[in-house]
Amino acid sequence: MVDAVWMTVFVNIHTYILYPSIYQMSRKKAPSKPVSVDWKAVGRRIRELRGFDMTQADLAHRLGVSQGYLSTVEHGQGEIGAEVLLTISQEFDKSLEWLLTGEE
């Protein structure tokens, strides 16, 4: 990407010259690698958050999903939508990164 930036050069006390300076902006591109999510591990973390004090039905009601869907999620048998992940994250005060990777 080439951008023009206007430069001001002082010539003398009464004269300034304004001219465009062309420069190259570069961004180092991070090597991209495919990202895969271990949905079984995500399900285990959600099960861990639910604990033994709360049933699947109770948590499903709080999240606005069915108990069957939550069971599928906890068993890692399907991908979880962003809205549900965000709700779980907010409900248990955990980061999305932790939910998806197990790392803070």
C-alpha atoms as a PDB file:
ATOM      1  CA  MET A   1       0.000   0.000   0.000  1.00  0.00           C
ATOM      2  CA  VAL A   2       1.435   3.365  -0.985  1.00  0.00           C
ATOM      3  CA  ASP A   3       0.384   6.488   0.871  1.00  0.00           C
ATOM      4  CA  ALA A   4       1.312  10.104   0.303  1.00  0.00           C
ATOM      5  CA  VAL A   5       2.173  12.182   3.308  1.00  0.00           C
ATOM      6  CA  TRP A   6       2.617  15.891   2.999  1.00  0.00           C
ATOM      7  CA  MET A   7       5.968  17.057   4.301  1.00  0.00           C
ATOM      8  CA  THR A   8       6.799  20.637   5.172  1.00  0.00           C
ATOM      9  CA  VAL A   9      10.358  21.783   4.636  1.00  0.00           C
ATOM     10  CA  PHE A  10      11.668  24.995   6.135  1.00  0.00           C
ATOM     11  CA  VAL A  11      13.616  26.982   3.533  1.00  0.00           C
ATOM     12  CA  ASN A  12      14.023  30.322   5.276  1.00  0.00           C
ATOM     13  CA  ILE A  13      12.152  32.512   7.705  1.00  0.00           C
ATOM     14  CA  HIS A  14       9.478  33.406   5.122  1.00  0.00           C
ATOM     15  CA  THR A  15       9.322  30.335   2.925  1.00  0.00           C
ATOM     16  CA  TYR A  16       8.106  26.845   3.501  1.00  0.00           C
ATOM     17  CA  ILE A  17       7.836  24.203   0.819  1.00  0.00           C
ATOM     18  CA  LEU A  18       5.045  21.686   1.018  1.00  0.00           C
ATOM     19  CA  TYR A  19       5.572  18.510  -0.994  1.00  0.00           C
ATOM     20  CA  PRO A  20       4.222  14.985  -0.963  1.00  0.00           C
ATOM     21  CA  SER A  21       6.444  12.286   0.366  1.00  0.00           C
ATOM     22  CA  ILE A  22       5.657   8.839  -0.945  1.00  0.00           C
ATOM     23  CA  TYR A  23       6.473   5.913   1.275  1.00  0.00           C
ATOM     24  CA  GLN A  24       5.682   2.255   1.395  1.00  0.00           C
ATOM     25  CA  MET A  25       3.700   0.964   4.356  1.00  0.00           C
ATOM     26  CA  SER A  26       4.302  -2.659   5.068  1.00  0.00           C
ATOM     27  CA  ARG A  27       2.687  -5.020   7.454  1.00  0.00           C
ATOM     28  CA  LYS A  28       4.348  -8.196   8.429  1.00  0.00           C
ATOM     29  CA  LYS A  29       1.913 -10.965   7.826  1.00  0.00           C
ATOM     30  CA  ALA A  30       1.833 -13.596  10.470  1.00  0.00           C
ATOM     31  CA  PRO A  31       1.985 -17.041   9.019  1.00  0.00           C
ATOM     32  CA  SER A  32      -1.537 -18.337   8.965  1.00  0.00           C
ATOM     33  CA  LYS A  33      -2.204 -21.811  10.171  1.00  0.00           C
ATOM     34  CA  PRO A  34      -5.476 -23.642  10.145  1.00  0.00           C
ATOM     35  CA  VAL A  35      -7.330 -23.378  13.404  1.00  0.00           C
ATOM     36  CA  SER A  36      -9.276 -26.369  14.577  1.00  0.00           C
ATOM     37  CA  VAL A  37     -11.370 -26.580  17.692  1.00  0.00           C
ATOM     38  CA  ASP A  38     -11.509 -29.720  19.797  1.00  0.00           C
ATOM     39  CA  TRP A  39     -15.248 -29.708  20.481  1.00  0.00           C
ATOM     40  CA  LYS A  40     -14.998 -32.656  22.896  1.00  0.00           C
ATOM     41  CA  ALA A  41     -12.579 -30.630  25.037  1.00  0.00           C
ATOM     42  CA  VAL A  42     -14.889 -27.599  24.841  1.00  0.00           C
ATOM     43  CA  GLY A  43     -17.766 -29.804  25.988  1.00  0.00           C
ATOM     44  CA  ARG A  44     -15.690 -31.112  28.901  1.00  0.00           C
ATOM     45  CA  ARG A  45     -14.888 -27.546  29.971  1.00  0.00           C
ATOM     46  CA  ILE A  46     -18.579 -26.611  29.844  1.00  0.00           C
ATOM     47  CA  ARG A  47     -19.424 -29.711  31.888  1.00  0.00           C
ATOM     48  CA  GLU A  48     -16.718 -28.700  34.373  1.00  0.00           C
ATOM     49  CA  LEU A  49     -18.231 -25.207  34.646  1.00  0.00           C
ATOM     50  CA  ARG A  50     -21.708 -26.633  35.227  1.00  0.00           C
ATOM     51  CA  GLY A  51     -20.421 -28.679  38.132  1.00  0.00           C
ATOM     52  CA  PHE A  52     -22.476 -31.105  40.178  1.00  0.00           C
ATOM     53  CA  ASP A  53     -24.807 -28.514  41.683  1.00  0.00           C
ATOM     54  CA  MET A  54     -26.561 -27.710  38.411  1.00  0.00           C
ATOM     55  CA  THR A  55     -28.441 -30.035  36.080  1.00  0.00           C
ATOM     56  CA  GLN A  56     -28.221 -29.858  32.304  1.00  0.00           C
ATOM     57  CA  ALA A  57     -31.852 -28.735  32.263  1.00  0.00           C
ATOM     58  CA  ASP A  58     -31.101 -25.854  34.664  1.00  0.00           C
ATOM     59  CA  LEU A  59     -28.113 -24.631  32.649  1.00  0.00           C
ATOM     60  CA  ALA A  60     -29.939 -25.087  29.352  1.00  0.00           C
ATOM     61  CA  HIS A  61     -32.777 -22.905  30.661  1.00  0.00           C
ATOM     62  CA  ARG A  62     -30.296 -20.205  31.740  1.00  0.00           C
ATOM     63  CA  LEU A  63     -28.616 -20.309  28.321  1.00  0.00           C
ATOM     64  CA  GLY A  64     -31.858 -20.381  26.356  1.00  0.00           C
ATOM     65  CA  VAL A  65     -31.183 -23.733  24.675  1.00  0.00           C
ATOM     66  CA  SER A  66     -32.725 -27.181  25.014  1.00  0.00           C
ATOM     67  CA  GLN A  67     -31.390 -29.803  27.407  1.00  0.00           C
ATOM     68  CA  GLY A  68     -30.813 -32.118  24.431  1.00  0.00           C
ATOM     69  CA  TYR A  69     -28.665 -29.500  22.689  1.00  0.00           C
ATOM     70  CA  LEU A  70     -26.621 -28.928  25.857  1.00  0.00           C
ATOM     71  CA  SER A  71     -26.106 -32.679  26.171  1.00  0.00           C
ATOM     72  CA  THR A  72     -24.860 -32.801  22.572  1.00  0.00           C
ATOM     73  CA  VAL A  73     -22.506 -29.902  23.292  1.00  0.00           C
ATOM     74  CA  GLU A  74     -21.135 -31.443  26.490  1.00  0.00           C
ATOM     75  CA  HIS A  75     -20.434 -34.697  24.647  1.00  0.00           C
ATOM     76  CA  GLY A  76     -18.609 -32.835  21.863  1.00  0.00           C
ATOM     77  CA  GLN A  77     -20.927 -34.163  19.185  1.00  0.00           C
ATOM     78  CA  GLY A  78     -21.400 -30.843  17.404  1.00  0.00           C
ATOM     79  CA  GLU A  79     -20.107 -27.346  16.995  1.00  0.00           C
ATOM     80  CA  ILE A  80     -21.377 -24.634  19.300  1.00  0.00           C
ATOM     81  CA  GLY A  81     -22.722 -21.379  17.957  1.00  0.00           C
ATOM     82  CA  ALA A  82     -21.026 -18.107  18.803  1.00  0.00           C
ATOM     83  CA  GLU A  83     -24.065 -16.777  20.657  1.00  0.00           C
ATOM     84  CA  VAL A  84     -24.193 -19.804  22.960  1.00  0.00           C
ATOM     85  CA  LEU A  85     -20.426 -19.666  23.572  1.00  0.00           C
ATOM     86  CA  LEU A  86     -20.666 -15.974  24.411  1.00  0.00           C
ATOM     87  CA  THR A  87     -23.583 -16.602  26.796  1.00  0.00           C
ATOM     88  CA  ILE A  88     -21.657 -19.390  28.561  1.00  0.00           C
ATOM     89  CA  SER A  89     -18.608 -17.132  28.757  1.00  0.00           C
ATOM     90  CA  GLN A  90     -20.623 -14.361  30.388  1.00  0.00           C
ATOM     91  CA  GLU A  91     -22.609 -16.682  32.649  1.00  0.00           C
ATOM     92  CA  PHE A  92     -19.475 -18.204  34.196  1.00  0.00           C
ATOM     93  CA  ASP A  93     -17.139 -15.201  33.798  1.00  0.00           C
ATOM     94  CA  LYS A  94     -14.707 -17.168  31.626  1.00  0.00           C
ATOM     95  CA  SER A  95     -13.014 -15.995  28.444  1.00  0.00           C
ATOM     96  CA  LEU A  96     -13.976 -17.338  25.045  1.00  0.00           C
ATOM     97  CA  GLU A  97     -10.336 -18.259  24.600  1.00  0.00           C
ATOM     98  CA  TRP A  98     -10.479 -20.476  27.670  1.00  0.00           C
ATOM     99  CA  LEU A  99     -13.684 -22.118  26.495  1.00  0.00           C
ATOM    100  CA  LEU A 100     -12.201 -22.863  23.069  1.00  0.00           C
ATOM    101  CA  THR A 101      -8.582 -23.691  23.979  1.00  0.00           C
ATOM    102  CA  GLY A 102      -8.357 -24.207  27.725  1.00  0.00           C
ATOM    103  CA  GLU A 103      -5.734 -21.425  27.911  1.00  0.00           C
ATOM    104  CA  GLU A 104      -6.189 -18.047  29.536  1.00  0.00           C
END
